[in-house]
PDB file of N, CA and C in Angstrom:
ATOM      1  N   MET A   1     -30.116  16.273 -17.626  1.00  0.00           N
ATOM      2  CA  MET A   1     -30.507  16.814 -16.334  1.00  0.00           C
ATOM      3  C   MET A   1     -31.213  18.153 -16.572  1.00  0.00           C
ATOM      4  N   THR A   2     -32.324  18.312 -15.910  1.00  0.00           N
ATOM      5  CA  THR A   2     -33.118  19.536 -16.097  1.00  0.00           C
ATOM      6  C   THR A   2     -32.529  20.689 -15.286  1.00  0.00           C
ATOM      7  N   ASP A   3     -32.983  21.900 -15.627  1.00  0.00           N
ATOM      8  CA  ASP A   3     -32.534  23.091 -14.890  1.00  0.00           C
ATOM      9  C   ASP A   3     -32.941  23.017 -13.424  1.00  0.00           C
ATOM     10  N   LEU A   4     -34.113  22.474 -13.172  1.00  0.00           N
ATOM     11  CA  LEU A   4     -34.603  22.353 -11.799  1.00  0.00           C
ATOM     12  C   LEU A   4     -33.696  21.425 -10.982  1.00  0.00           C
ATOM     13  N   GLU A   5     -33.292  20.303 -11.590  1.00  0.00           N
ATOM     14  CA  GLU A   5     -32.390  19.366 -10.902  1.00  0.00           C
ATOM     15  C   GLU A   5     -31.034  20.016 -10.628  1.00  0.00           C
ATOM     16  N   GLN A   6     -30.541  20.769 -11.594  1.00  0.00           N
ATOM     17  CA  GLN A   6     -29.264  21.452 -11.410  1.00  0.00           C
ATOM     18  C   GLN A   6     -29.340  22.450 -10.261  1.00  0.00           C
ATOM     19  N   ARG A   7     -30.448  23.189 -10.183  1.00  0.00           N
ATOM     20  CA  ARG A   7     -30.611  24.163  -9.090  1.00  0.00           C
ATOM     21  C   ARG A   7     -30.680  23.460  -7.737  1.00  0.00           C
ATOM     22  N   LYS A   8     -31.382  22.312  -7.708  1.00  0.00           N
ATOM     23  CA  LYS A   8     -31.478  21.552  -6.461  1.00  0.00           C
ATOM     24  C   LYS A   8     -30.098  21.086  -5.992  1.00  0.00           C
ATOM     25  N   ILE A   9     -29.285  20.622  -6.939  1.00  0.00           N
ATOM     26  CA  ILE A   9     -27.930  20.171  -6.589  1.00  0.00           C
ATOM     27  C   ILE A   9     -27.120  21.333  -6.036  1.00  0.00           C
ATOM     28  N   ILE A  10     -27.225  22.490  -6.667  1.00  0.00           N
ATOM     29  CA  ILE A  10     -26.484  23.672  -6.207  1.00  0.00           C
ATOM     30  C   ILE A  10     -26.905  24.047  -4.791  1.00  0.00           C
ATOM     31  N   ILE A  11     -28.203  24.029  -4.530  1.00  0.00           N
ATOM     32  CA  ILE A  11     -28.706  24.382  -3.191  1.00  0.00           C
ATOM     33  C   ILE A  11     -28.251  23.352  -2.156  1.00  0.00           C
ATOM     34  N   MET A  12     -28.407  22.074  -2.488  1.00  0.00           N
ATOM     35  CA  MET A  12     -28.028  21.025  -1.537  1.00  0.00           C
ATOM     36  C   MET A  12     -26.528  21.038  -1.254  1.00  0.00           C
ATOM     37  N   ARG A  13     -25.749  21.334  -2.280  1.00  0.00           N
ATOM     38  CA  ARG A  13     -24.293  21.388  -2.108  1.00  0.00           C
ATOM     39  C   ARG A  13     -23.915  22.580  -1.231  1.00  0.00           C
ATOM     40  N   SER A  14     -24.613  23.699  -1.394  1.00  0.00           N
ATOM     41  CA  SER A  14     -24.324  24.881  -0.566  1.00  0.00           C
ATOM     42  C   SER A  14     -24.727  24.641   0.890  1.00  0.00           C
ATOM     43  N   GLU A  15     -25.665  23.711   1.102  1.00  0.00           N
ATOM     44  CA  GLU A  15     -26.052  23.345   2.466  1.00  0.00           C
ATOM     45  C   GLU A  15     -25.055  22.371   3.096  1.00  0.00           C
ATOM     46  N   GLY A  16     -24.102  21.919   2.300  1.00  0.00           N
ATOM     47  CA  GLY A  16     -23.062  21.032   2.825  1.00  0.00           C
ATOM     48  C   GLY A  16     -23.358  19.553   2.670  1.00  0.00           C
ATOM     49  N   LYS A  17     -24.346  19.208   1.864  1.00  0.00           N
ATOM     50  CA  LYS A  17     -24.678  17.797   1.674  1.00  0.00           C
ATOM     51  C   LYS A  17     -23.621  17.117   0.807  1.00  0.00           C
ATOM     52  N   SER A  18     -23.416  15.841   1.068  1.00  0.00           N
ATOM     53  CA  SER A  18     -22.421  15.067   0.320  1.00  0.00           C
ATOM     54  C   SER A  18     -22.984  14.640  -1.030  1.00  0.00           C
ATOM     55  N   TYR A  19     -22.075  14.192  -1.913  1.00  0.00           N
ATOM     56  CA  TYR A  19     -22.495  13.695  -3.217  1.00  0.00           C
ATOM     57  C   TYR A  19     -23.491  12.545  -3.044  1.00  0.00           C
ATOM     58  N   ASN A  20     -23.181  11.657  -2.113  1.00  0.00           N
ATOM     59  CA  ASN A  20     -24.022  10.485  -1.892  1.00  0.00           C
ATOM     60  C   ASN A  20     -25.415  10.882  -1.403  1.00  0.00           C
ATOM     61  N   ALA A  21     -25.481  11.840  -0.491  1.00  0.00           N
ATOM     62  CA  ALA A  21     -26.777  12.287   0.034  1.00  0.00           C
ATOM     63  C   ALA A  21     -27.612  12.941  -1.061  1.00  0.00           C
ATOM     64  N   ILE A  22     -26.978  13.753  -1.891  1.00  0.00           N
ATOM     65  CA  ILE A  22     -27.695  14.416  -2.986  1.00  0.00           C
ATOM     66  C   ILE A  22     -28.215  13.380  -3.980  1.00  0.00           C
ATOM     67  N   ALA A  23     -27.361  12.416  -4.334  1.00  0.00           N
ATOM     68  CA  ALA A  23     -27.766  11.384  -5.293  1.00  0.00           C
ATOM     69  C   ALA A  23     -28.930  10.564  -4.752  1.00  0.00           C
ATOM     70  N   SER A  24     -28.890  10.241  -3.468  1.00  0.00           N
ATOM     71  CA  SER A  24     -29.983   9.466  -2.861  1.00  0.00           C
ATOM     72  C   SER A  24     -31.278  10.269  -2.824  1.00  0.00           C
ATOM     73  N   ASP A  25     -31.188  11.538  -2.418  1.00  0.00           N
ATOM     74  CA  ASP A  25     -32.382  12.384  -2.326  1.00  0.00           C
ATOM     75  C   ASP A  25     -33.036  12.606  -3.690  1.00  0.00           C
ATOM     76  N   MET A  26     -32.217  12.766  -4.717  1.00  0.00           N
ATOM     77  CA  MET A  26     -32.753  13.083  -6.043  1.00  0.00           C
ATOM     78  C   MET A  26     -32.946  11.847  -6.915  1.00  0.00           C
ATOM     79  N   ASN A  27     -32.514  10.693  -6.402  1.00  0.00           N
ATOM     80  CA  ASN A  27     -32.667   9.433  -7.126  1.00  0.00           C
ATOM     81  C   ASN A  27     -31.927   9.450  -8.465  1.00  0.00           C
ATOM     82  N   ILE A  28     -30.673   9.947  -8.440  1.00  0.00           N
ATOM     83  CA  ILE A  28     -29.826   9.954  -9.632  1.00  0.00           C
ATOM     84  C   ILE A  28     -28.471   9.358  -9.259  1.00  0.00           C
ATOM     85  N   SER A  29     -27.666   9.102 -10.249  1.00  0.00           N
ATOM     86  CA  SER A  29     -26.361   8.482 -10.045  1.00  0.00           C
ATOM     87  C   SER A  29     -25.413   9.428  -9.297  1.00  0.00           C
ATOM     88  N   ILE A  30     -24.622   8.852  -8.405  1.00  0.00           N
ATOM     89  CA  ILE A  30     -23.638   9.658  -7.669  1.00  0.00           C
ATOM     90  C   ILE A  30     -22.603  10.236  -8.626  1.00  0.00           C
ATOM     91  N   ASN A  31     -22.269   9.496  -9.689  1.00  0.00           N
ATOM     92  CA  ASN A  31     -21.300  10.001 -10.665  1.00  0.00           C
ATOM     93  C   ASN A  31     -21.836  11.218 -11.409  1.00  0.00           C
ATOM     94  N   THR A  32     -23.131  11.259 -11.648  1.00  0.00           N
ATOM     95  CA  THR A  32     -23.752  12.428 -12.283  1.00  0.00           C
ATOM     96  C   THR A  32     -23.616  13.647 -11.383  1.00  0.00           C
ATOM     97  N   VAL A  33     -23.860  13.446 -10.099  1.00  0.00           N
ATOM     98  CA  VAL A  33     -23.749  14.548  -9.132  1.00  0.00           C
ATOM     99  C   VAL A  33     -22.307  15.034  -9.054  1.00  0.00           C
ATOM    100  N   LYS A  34     -21.359  14.102  -8.951  1.00  0.00           N
ATOM    101  CA  LYS A  34     -19.937  14.476  -8.861  1.00  0.00           C
ATOM    102  C   LYS A  34     -19.502  15.267 -10.084  1.00  0.00           C
ATOM    103  N   THR A  35     -19.858  14.758 -11.251  1.00  0.00           N
ATOM    104  CA  THR A  35     -19.455  15.429 -12.493  1.00  0.00           C
ATOM    105  C   THR A  35     -20.025  16.838 -12.572  1.00  0.00           C
ATOM    106  N   PHE A  36     -21.302  16.984 -12.269  1.00  0.00           N
ATOM    107  CA  PHE A  36     -21.928  18.306 -12.312  1.00  0.00           C
ATOM    108  C   PHE A  36     -21.248  19.253 -11.324  1.00  0.00           C
ATOM    109  N   CYS A  37     -21.017  18.779 -10.108  1.00  0.00           N
ATOM    110  CA  CYS A  37     -20.412  19.637  -9.078  1.00  0.00           C
ATOM    111  C   CYS A  37     -18.991  20.047  -9.451  1.00  0.00           C
ATOM    112  N   ARG A  38     -18.231  19.124  -9.977  1.00  0.00           N
ATOM    113  CA  ARG A  38     -16.850  19.448 -10.344  1.00  0.00           C
ATOM    114  C   ARG A  38     -16.793  20.419 -11.523  1.00  0.00           C
ATOM    115  N   ARG A  39     -17.675  20.236 -12.478  1.00  0.00           N
ATOM    116  CA  ARG A  39     -17.701  21.140 -13.638  1.00  0.00           C
ATOM    117  C   ARG A  39     -18.139  22.547 -13.255  1.00  0.00           C
ATOM    118  N   ASN A  40     -18.950  22.638 -12.232  1.00  0.00           N
ATOM    119  CA  ASN A  40     -19.471  23.935 -11.802  1.00  0.00           C
ATOM    120  C   ASN A  40     -18.800  24.436 -10.524  1.00  0.00           C
ATOM    121  N   ARG A  41     -17.663  23.886 -10.225  1.00  0.00           N
ATOM    122  CA  ARG A  41     -16.854  24.292  -9.059  1.00  0.00           C
ATOM    123  C   ARG A  41     -17.656  24.263  -7.764  1.00  0.00           C
ATOM    124  N   LEU A  42     -18.392  23.189  -7.590  1.00  0.00           N
ATOM    125  CA  LEU A  42     -19.167  22.999  -6.369  1.00  0.00           C
ATOM    126  C   LEU A  42     -18.528  21.892  -5.532  1.00  0.00           C
ATOM    127  N   GLY A  43     -17.212  21.873  -5.541  1.00  0.00           N
ATOM    128  CA  GLY A  43     -16.493  20.859  -4.777  1.00  0.00           C
ATOM    129  C   GLY A  43     -16.672  21.059  -3.296  1.00  0.00           C
ATOM    130  N   GLY A  44     -15.933  20.298  -2.543  1.00  0.00           N
ATOM    131  CA  GLY A  44     -16.036  20.373  -1.090  1.00  0.00           C
ATOM    132  C   GLY A  44     -15.603  21.714  -0.548  1.00  0.00           C
ATOM    133  N   ASN A  45     -16.031  21.995   0.655  1.00  0.00           N
ATOM    134  CA  ASN A  45     -15.653  23.253   1.305  1.00  0.00           C
ATOM    135  C   ASN A  45     -14.843  22.969   2.566  1.00  0.00           C
ATOM    136  N   ARG A  46     -14.083  21.882   2.521  1.00  0.00           N
ATOM    137  CA  ARG A  46     -13.252  21.483   3.645  1.00  0.00           C
ATOM    138  C   ARG A  46     -12.118  22.489   3.817  1.00  0.00           C
ATOM    139  N   ALA A  47     -11.850  22.863   5.041  1.00  0.00           N
ATOM    140  CA  ALA A  47     -10.774  23.814   5.313  1.00  0.00           C
ATOM    141  C   ALA A  47      -9.432  23.163   5.012  1.00  0.00           C
ATOM    142  N   SER A  48      -8.473  23.954   4.551  1.00  0.00           N
ATOM    143  CA  SER A  48      -7.170  23.390   4.233  1.00  0.00           C
ATOM    144  C   SER A  48      -6.505  22.887   5.505  1.00  0.00           C
ATOM    145  N   GLY A  49      -5.887  21.716   5.373  1.00  0.00           N
ATOM    146  CA  GLY A  49      -5.194  21.128   6.514  1.00  0.00           C
ATOM    147  C   GLY A  49      -6.099  20.356   7.449  1.00  0.00           C
ATOM    148  N   SER A  50      -7.378  20.206   7.103  1.00  0.00           N
ATOM    149  CA  SER A  50      -8.273  19.492   8.008  1.00  0.00           C
ATOM    150  C   SER A  50      -8.130  17.979   7.878  1.00  0.00           C
ATOM    151  N   ARG A  51      -7.625  17.500   6.767  1.00  0.00           N
ATOM    152  CA  ARG A  51      -7.359  16.072   6.622  1.00  0.00           C
ATOM    153  C   ARG A  51      -6.121  15.727   7.424  1.00  0.00           C
ATOM    154  N   SER A  52      -6.086  14.527   7.942  1.00  0.00           N
ATOM    155  CA  SER A  52      -4.907  14.128   8.705  1.00  0.00           C
ATOM    156  C   SER A  52      -3.719  14.024   7.764  1.00  0.00           C
ATOM    157  N   GLY A  53      -2.601  14.555   8.176  1.00  0.00           N
ATOM    158  CA  GLY A  53      -1.382  14.464   7.392  1.00  0.00           C
ATOM    159  C   GLY A  53      -1.250  15.490   6.297  1.00  0.00           C
ATOM    160  N   THR A  54      -2.160  16.449   6.181  1.00  0.00           N
ATOM    161  CA  THR A  54      -2.046  17.450   5.126  1.00  0.00           C
ATOM    162  C   THR A  54      -1.780  18.833   5.702  1.00  0.00           C
ATOM    163  N   SER A  55      -1.176  18.877   6.837  1.00  0.00           N
ATOM    164  CA  SER A  55      -0.891  20.156   7.465  1.00  0.00           C
ATOM    165  C   SER A  55       0.136  20.922   6.651  1.00  0.00           C
ATOM    166  N   SER A  56       0.010  22.229   6.662  1.00  0.00           N
ATOM    167  CA  SER A  56       0.983  23.041   5.939  1.00  0.00           C
ATOM    168  C   SER A  56       2.341  23.018   6.633  1.00  0.00           C
ATOM    169  N   ASP A  57       2.387  22.512   7.877  1.00  0.00           N
ATOM    170  CA  ASP A  57       3.664  22.412   8.586  1.00  0.00           C
ATOM    171  C   ASP A  57       4.542  21.301   8.020  1.00  0.00           C
ATOM    172  N   ILE A  58       3.932  20.353   7.332  1.00  0.00           N
ATOM    173  CA  ILE A  58       4.698  19.238   6.784  1.00  0.00           C
ATOM    174  C   ILE A  58       5.395  19.711   5.521  1.00  0.00           C
ATOM    175  N   ASP A  59       6.704  19.683   5.548  1.00  0.00           N
ATOM    176  CA  ASP A  59       7.495  20.106   4.403  1.00  0.00           C
ATOM    177  C   ASP A  59       8.550  19.042   4.158  1.00  0.00           C
ATOM    178  N   LEU A  60       8.279  18.121   3.249  1.00  0.00           N
ATOM    179  CA  LEU A  60       9.205  17.031   2.991  1.00  0.00           C
ATOM    180  C   LEU A  60      10.230  17.376   1.924  1.00  0.00           C
ATOM    181  N   ILE A  61      10.160  18.577   1.392  1.00  0.00           N
ATOM    182  CA  ILE A  61      11.146  18.993   0.406  1.00  0.00           C
ATOM    183  C   ILE A  61      12.485  19.241   1.088  1.00  0.00           C
ATOM    184  N   ASN A  62      12.447  19.934   2.225  1.00  0.00           N
ATOM    185  CA  ASN A  62      13.681  20.222   2.942  1.00  0.00           C
ATOM    186  C   ASN A  62      14.165  18.976   3.657  1.00  0.00           C
ATOM    187  N   ILE A  63      15.447  18.673   3.525  1.00  0.00           N
ATOM    188  CA  ILE A  63      16.005  17.448   4.082  1.00  0.00           C
ATOM    189  C   ILE A  63      15.920  17.408   5.601  1.00  0.00           C
ATOM    190  N   LYS A  64      15.987  18.546   6.256  1.00  0.00           N
ATOM    191  CA  LYS A  64      15.952  18.548   7.720  1.00  0.00           C
ATOM    192  C   LYS A  64      14.586  18.144   8.266  1.00  0.00           C
ATOM    193  N   ASN A  65      13.543  18.202   7.444  1.00  0.00           N
ATOM    194  CA  ASN A  65      12.207  17.817   7.879  1.00  0.00           C
ATOM    195  C   ASN A  65      11.886  16.356   7.608  1.00  0.00           C
ATOM    196  N   ARG A  66      12.761  15.665   6.889  1.00  0.00           N
ATOM    197  CA  ARG A  66      12.520  14.255   6.593  1.00  0.00           C
ATOM    198  C   ARG A  66      13.041  13.398   7.727  1.00  0.00           C
ATOM    199  N   GLY A  67      12.301  12.381   8.076  1.00  0.00           N
ATOM    200  CA  GLY A  67      12.700  11.500   9.172  1.00  0.00           C
ATOM    201  C   GLY A  67      13.788  10.530   8.781  1.00  0.00           C
ATOM    202  N   ASN A  68      13.719   9.965   7.600  1.00  0.00           N
ATOM    203  CA  ASN A  68      14.675   8.960   7.178  1.00  0.00           C
ATOM    204  C   ASN A  68      15.396   9.487   5.953  1.00  0.00           C
ATOM    205  N   SER A  69      16.639   9.818   6.103  1.00  0.00           N
ATOM    206  CA  SER A  69      17.386  10.396   5.006  1.00  0.00           C
ATOM    207  C   SER A  69      18.650   9.591   4.768  1.00  0.00           C
ATOM    208  N   THR A  70      19.024   9.442   3.510  1.00  0.00           N
ATOM    209  CA  THR A  70      20.225   8.687   3.182  1.00  0.00           C
ATOM    210  C   THR A  70      21.424   9.595   2.946  1.00  0.00           C
ATOM    211  N   VAL A  71      21.237  10.871   3.122  1.00  0.00           N
ATOM    212  CA  VAL A  71      22.333  11.804   2.902  1.00  0.00           C
ATOM    213  C   VAL A  71      23.231  11.814   4.132  1.00  0.00           C
ATOM    214  N   THR A  72      24.523  11.673   3.911  1.00  0.00           N
ATOM    215  CA  THR A  72      25.482  11.686   5.008  1.00  0.00           C
ATOM    216  C   THR A  72      26.799  12.242   4.511  1.00  0.00           C
ATOM    217  N   GLU A  73      27.564  12.794   5.422  1.00  0.00           N
ATOM    218  CA  GLU A  73      28.864  13.326   5.027  1.00  0.00           C
ATOM    219  C   GLU A  73      29.833  12.196   4.732  1.00  0.00           C
ATOM    220  N   ARG A  74      29.801  11.173   5.572  1.00  0.00           N
ATOM    221  CA  ARG A  74      30.697  10.044   5.382  1.00  0.00           C
ATOM    222  C   ARG A  74      29.931   8.763   5.688  1.00  0.00           C
ATOM    223  N   ALA A  75      29.929   7.857   4.750  1.00  0.00           N
ATOM    224  CA  ALA A  75      29.196   6.609   4.942  1.00  0.00           C
ATOM    225  C   ALA A  75      29.860   5.759   6.013  1.00  0.00           C
ATOM    226  N   LYS A  76      29.047   5.136   6.854  1.00  0.00           N
ATOM    227  CA  LYS A  76      29.545   4.243   7.896  1.00  0.00           C
ATOM    228  C   LYS A  76      29.143   2.817   7.552  1.00  0.00           C
ATOM    229  N   SER A  77      29.912   1.867   8.045  1.00  0.00           N
ATOM    230  CA  SER A  77      29.595   0.472   7.771  1.00  0.00           C
ATOM    231  C   SER A  77      28.374   0.040   8.576  1.00  0.00           C
ATOM    232  N   ILE A  78      27.647  -0.896   8.026  1.00  0.00           N
ATOM    233  CA  ILE A  78      26.470  -1.429   8.700  1.00  0.00           C
ATOM    234  C   ILE A  78      26.909  -2.599   9.562  1.00  0.00           C
ATOM    235  N   GLU A  79      26.483  -2.598  10.813  1.00  0.00           N
ATOM    236  CA  GLU A  79      26.855  -3.667  11.729  1.00  0.00           C
ATOM    237  C   GLU A  79      25.661  -4.574  11.979  1.00  0.00           C
ATOM    238  N   ASN A  80      25.954  -5.867  12.139  1.00  0.00           N
ATOM    239  CA  ASN A  80      24.916  -6.825  12.494  1.00  0.00           C
ATOM    240  C   ASN A  80      24.763  -6.780  14.005  1.00  0.00           C
ATOM    241  N   THR A  81      23.634  -6.297  14.476  1.00  0.00           N
ATOM    242  CA  THR A  81      23.450  -6.108  15.917  1.00  0.00           C
ATOM    243  C   THR A  81      22.598  -7.183  16.560  1.00  0.00           C
ATOM    244  N   SER A  82      22.034  -8.097  15.772  1.00  0.00           N
ATOM    245  CA  SER A  82      21.198  -9.133  16.380  1.00  0.00           C
ATOM    246  C   SER A  82      21.307 -10.426  15.589  1.00  0.00           C
ATOM    247  N   PHE A  83      20.816 -11.486  16.194  1.00  0.00           N
ATOM    248  CA  PHE A  83      20.832 -12.790  15.563  1.00  0.00           C
ATOM    249  C   PHE A  83      19.440 -13.138  15.052  1.00  0.00           C
ATOM    250  N   SER A  84      19.392 -13.951  14.028  1.00  0.00           N
ATOM    251  CA  SER A  84      18.110 -14.411  13.503  1.00  0.00           C
ATOM    252  C   SER A  84      17.495 -15.416  14.458  1.00  0.00           C
ATOM    253  N   ALA A  85      16.200 -15.594  14.355  1.00  0.00           N
ATOM    254  CA  ALA A  85      15.499 -16.563  15.187  1.00  0.00           C
ATOM    255  C   ALA A  85      15.928 -17.979  14.807  1.00  0.00           C
ATOM    256  N   VAL A  86      15.846 -18.880  15.776  1.00  0.00           N
ATOM    257  CA  VAL A  86      16.221 -20.264  15.542  1.00  0.00           C
ATOM    258  C   VAL A  86      15.201 -20.908  14.607  1.00  0.00           C
ATOM    259  N   ARG A  87      15.694 -21.651  13.620  1.00  0.00           N
ATOM    260  CA  ARG A  87      14.827 -22.345  12.675  1.00  0.00           C
ATOM    261  C   ARG A  87      15.027 -23.847  12.806  1.00  0.00           C
ATOM    262  N   LYS A  88      13.984 -24.588  12.473  1.00  0.00           N
ATOM    263  CA  LYS A  88      14.103 -26.036  12.460  1.00  0.00           C
ATOM    264  C   LYS A  88      15.034 -26.444  11.327  1.00  0.00           C
ATOM    265  N   THR A  89      15.873 -27.405  11.609  1.00  0.00           N
ATOM    266  CA  THR A  89      16.775 -27.921  10.587  1.00  0.00           C
ATOM    267  C   THR A  89      16.754 -29.437  10.638  1.00  0.00           C
ATOM    268  N   CYS A  90      17.255 -30.036   9.630  1.00  0.00           N
ATOM    269  CA  CYS A  90      17.383 -31.494   9.632  1.00  0.00           C
ATOM    270  C   CYS A  90      18.853 -31.842   9.466  1.00  0.00           C
ATOM    271  N   LYS A  91      19.222 -33.000  10.011  1.00  0.00           N
ATOM    272  CA  LYS A  91      20.604 -33.454   9.873  1.00  0.00           C
ATOM    273  C   LYS A  91      20.731 -34.219   8.571  1.00  0.00           C
ATOM    274  N   VAL A  92      21.794 -33.971   7.875  1.00  0.00           N
ATOM    275  CA  VAL A  92      22.046 -34.648   6.609  1.00  0.00           C
ATOM    276  C   VAL A  92      23.403 -35.317   6.702  1.00  0.00           C
ATOM    277  N   LYS A  93      23.428 -36.592   6.362  1.00  0.00           N
ATOM    278  CA  LYS A  93      24.691 -37.325   6.355  1.00  0.00           C
ATOM    279  C   LYS A  93      25.018 -37.658   4.909  1.00  0.00           C
ATOM    280  N   LEU A  94      26.153 -37.220   4.451  1.00  0.00           N
ATOM    281  CA  LEU A  94      26.568 -37.461   3.077  1.00  0.00           C
ATOM    282  C   LEU A  94      27.574 -38.603   3.041  1.00  0.00           C
ATOM    283  N   THR A  95      27.313 -39.521   2.170  1.00  0.00           N
ATOM    284  CA  THR A  95      28.301 -40.573   1.895  1.00  0.00           C
ATOM    285  C   THR A  95      28.499 -40.603   0.393  1.00  0.00           C
ATOM    286  N   PHE A  96      29.669 -40.853  -0.011  1.00  0.00           N
ATOM    287  CA  PHE A  96      30.003 -40.831  -1.422  1.00  0.00           C
ATOM    288  C   PHE A  96      30.274 -42.246  -1.917  1.00  0.00           C
ATOM    289  N   ALA A  97      29.693 -42.559  -3.053  1.00  0.00           N
ATOM    290  CA  ALA A  97      29.904 -43.871  -3.663  1.00  0.00           C
ATOM    291  C   ALA A  97      31.234 -43.875  -4.396  1.00  0.00           C
ATOM    292  N   LYS A  98      31.735 -45.066  -4.584  1.00  0.00           N
ATOM    293  CA  LYS A  98      33.013 -45.183  -5.300  1.00  0.00           C
ATOM    294  C   LYS A  98      32.827 -44.942  -6.794  1.00  0.00           C
ATOM    295  N   SER A  99      31.616 -45.214  -7.290  1.00  0.00           N
ATOM    296  CA  SER A  99      31.342 -44.954  -8.703  1.00  0.00           C
ATOM    297  C   SER A  99      30.068 -44.104  -8.809  1.00  0.00           C
ATOM    298  N   ALA A 100      29.950 -43.350  -9.885  1.00  0.00           N
ATOM    299  CA  ALA A 100      28.812 -42.445 -10.071  1.00  0.00           C
ATOM    300  C   ALA A 100      27.531 -43.225 -10.337  1.00  0.00           C
ATOM    301  N   ASP A 101      26.426 -42.744  -9.759  1.00  0.00           N
ATOM    302  CA  ASP A 101      25.110 -43.358  -9.977  1.00  0.00           C
ATOM    303  C   ASP A 101      24.134 -42.234 -10.342  1.00  0.00           C
ATOM    304  N   ASP A 102      23.991 -41.998 -11.636  1.00  0.00           N
ATOM    305  CA  ASP A 102      23.137 -40.903 -12.108  1.00  0.00           C
ATOM    306  C   ASP A 102      21.660 -41.140 -11.817  1.00  0.00           C
ATOM    307  N   ASP A 103      21.262 -42.386 -11.604  1.00  0.00           N
ATOM    308  CA  ASP A 103      19.861 -42.681 -11.311  1.00  0.00           C
ATOM    309  C   ASP A 103      19.473 -42.243  -9.901  1.00  0.00           C
ATOM    310  N   ALA A 104      20.441 -42.063  -9.032  1.00  0.00           N
ATOM    311  CA  ALA A 104      20.152 -41.699  -7.642  1.00  0.00           C
ATOM    312  C   ALA A 104      19.795 -40.216  -7.504  1.00  0.00           C
ATOM    313  N   ILE A 105      20.252 -39.392  -8.415  1.00  0.00           N
ATOM    314  CA  ILE A 105      20.040 -37.944  -8.294  1.00  0.00           C
ATOM    315  C   ILE A 105      18.554 -37.578  -8.286  1.00  0.00           C
ATOM    316  N   PRO A 106      17.732 -38.040  -9.242  1.00  0.00           N
ATOM    317  CA  PRO A 106      16.303 -37.695  -9.185  1.00  0.00           C
ATOM    318  C   PRO A 106      15.617 -38.232  -7.928  1.00  0.00           C
ATOM    319  N   GLU A 107      16.042 -39.408  -7.476  1.00  0.00           N
ATOM    320  CA  GLU A 107      15.440 -39.983  -6.273  1.00  0.00           C
ATOM    321  C   GLU A 107      15.735 -39.128  -5.042  1.00  0.00           C
ATOM    322  N   VAL A 108      16.970 -38.692  -4.891  1.00  0.00           N
ATOM    323  CA  VAL A 108      17.349 -37.859  -3.745  1.00  0.00           C
ATOM    324  C   VAL A 108      16.651 -36.505  -3.815  1.00  0.00           C
ATOM    325  N   LEU A 109      16.597 -35.919  -4.981  1.00  0.00           N
ATOM    326  CA  LEU A 109      15.907 -34.632  -5.125  1.00  0.00           C
ATOM    327  C   LEU A 109      14.427 -34.768  -4.786  1.00  0.00           C
ATOM    328  N   GLY A 110      13.801 -35.859  -5.194  1.00  0.00           N
ATOM    329  CA  GLY A 110      12.400 -36.096  -4.867  1.00  0.00           C
ATOM    330  C   GLY A 110      12.185 -36.223  -3.370  1.00  0.00           C
ATOM    331  N   ILE A 111      13.073 -36.925  -2.690  1.00  0.00           N
ATOM    332  CA  ILE A 111      12.977 -37.066  -1.230  1.00  0.00           C
ATOM    333  C   ILE A 111      13.079 -35.705  -0.558  1.00  0.00           C
ATOM    334  N   LEU A 112      14.027 -34.906  -0.993  1.00  0.00           N
ATOM    335  CA  LEU A 112      14.204 -33.579  -0.393  1.00  0.00           C
ATOM    336  C   LEU A 112      13.005 -32.672  -0.670  1.00  0.00           C
ATOM    337  N   MET A 113      12.438 -32.759  -1.854  1.00  0.00           N
ATOM    338  CA  MET A 113      11.293 -31.909  -2.194  1.00  0.00           C
ATOM    339  C   MET A 113      10.043 -32.287  -1.400  1.00  0.00           C
ATOM    340  N   ARG A 114       9.875 -33.568  -1.097  1.00  0.00           N
ATOM    341  CA  ARG A 114       8.695 -34.028  -0.365  1.00  0.00           C
ATOM    342  C   ARG A 114       8.867 -33.960   1.145  1.00  0.00           C
ATOM    343  N   SER A 115      10.023 -33.597   1.621  1.00  0.00           N
ATOM    344  CA  SER A 115      10.276 -33.594   3.063  1.00  0.00           C
ATOM    345  C   SER A 115       9.517 -32.465   3.755  1.00  0.00           C
ATOM    346  N   LYS A 116       9.380 -32.592   5.059  1.00  0.00           N
ATOM    347  CA  LYS A 116       8.676 -31.585   5.861  1.00  0.00           C
ATOM    348  C   LYS A 116       9.594 -30.432   6.258  1.00  0.00           C
ATOM    349  N   TYR A 117      10.810 -30.464   5.809  1.00  0.00           N
ATOM    350  CA  TYR A 117      11.789 -29.473   6.250  1.00  0.00           C
ATOM    351  C   TYR A 117      12.009 -28.385   5.211  1.00  0.00           C
ATOM    352  N   ARG A 118      10.967 -28.028   4.522  1.00  0.00           N
ATOM    353  CA  ARG A 118      11.088 -26.941   3.546  1.00  0.00           C
ATOM    354  C   ARG A 118      11.347 -25.635   4.265  1.00  0.00           C
ATOM    355  N   GLN A 119      12.008 -24.753   3.579  1.00  0.00           N
ATOM    356  CA  GLN A 119      12.316 -23.454   4.180  1.00  0.00           C
ATOM    357  C   GLN A 119      11.036 -22.653   4.314  1.00  0.00           C
ATOM    358  N   GLY A 120      10.871 -21.931   5.402  1.00  0.00           N
ATOM    359  CA  GLY A 120       9.661 -21.140   5.529  1.00  0.00           C
ATOM    360  C   GLY A 120       9.503 -20.517   6.802  1.00  0.00           C
TER     361      GLY A 120
END
């Protein structure tokens, strides 16, 4: 990068132009502009706290400022306060043979795996 290009970047950055605008105007890579600006401390001039959620009032170090805290003097039991939604189920009737039939196990498992009543 020539001295003239470097001076142009410095001037454009002082005018408040973005990395993308400078790169487009000068027809060079945006990464080249970013690297040059960062090395020469030509970063943004955004006021502190102007980004959403970066206010100096936010202090998550102190426990009283955190919304969800697990610290308690005495742990309390968790109660189930609601019921789950109704799910489709199928009726299953079990009958037991008088003698074992090991060949039936893969067949029954295959039927259950191919059924429309999968959990979901």
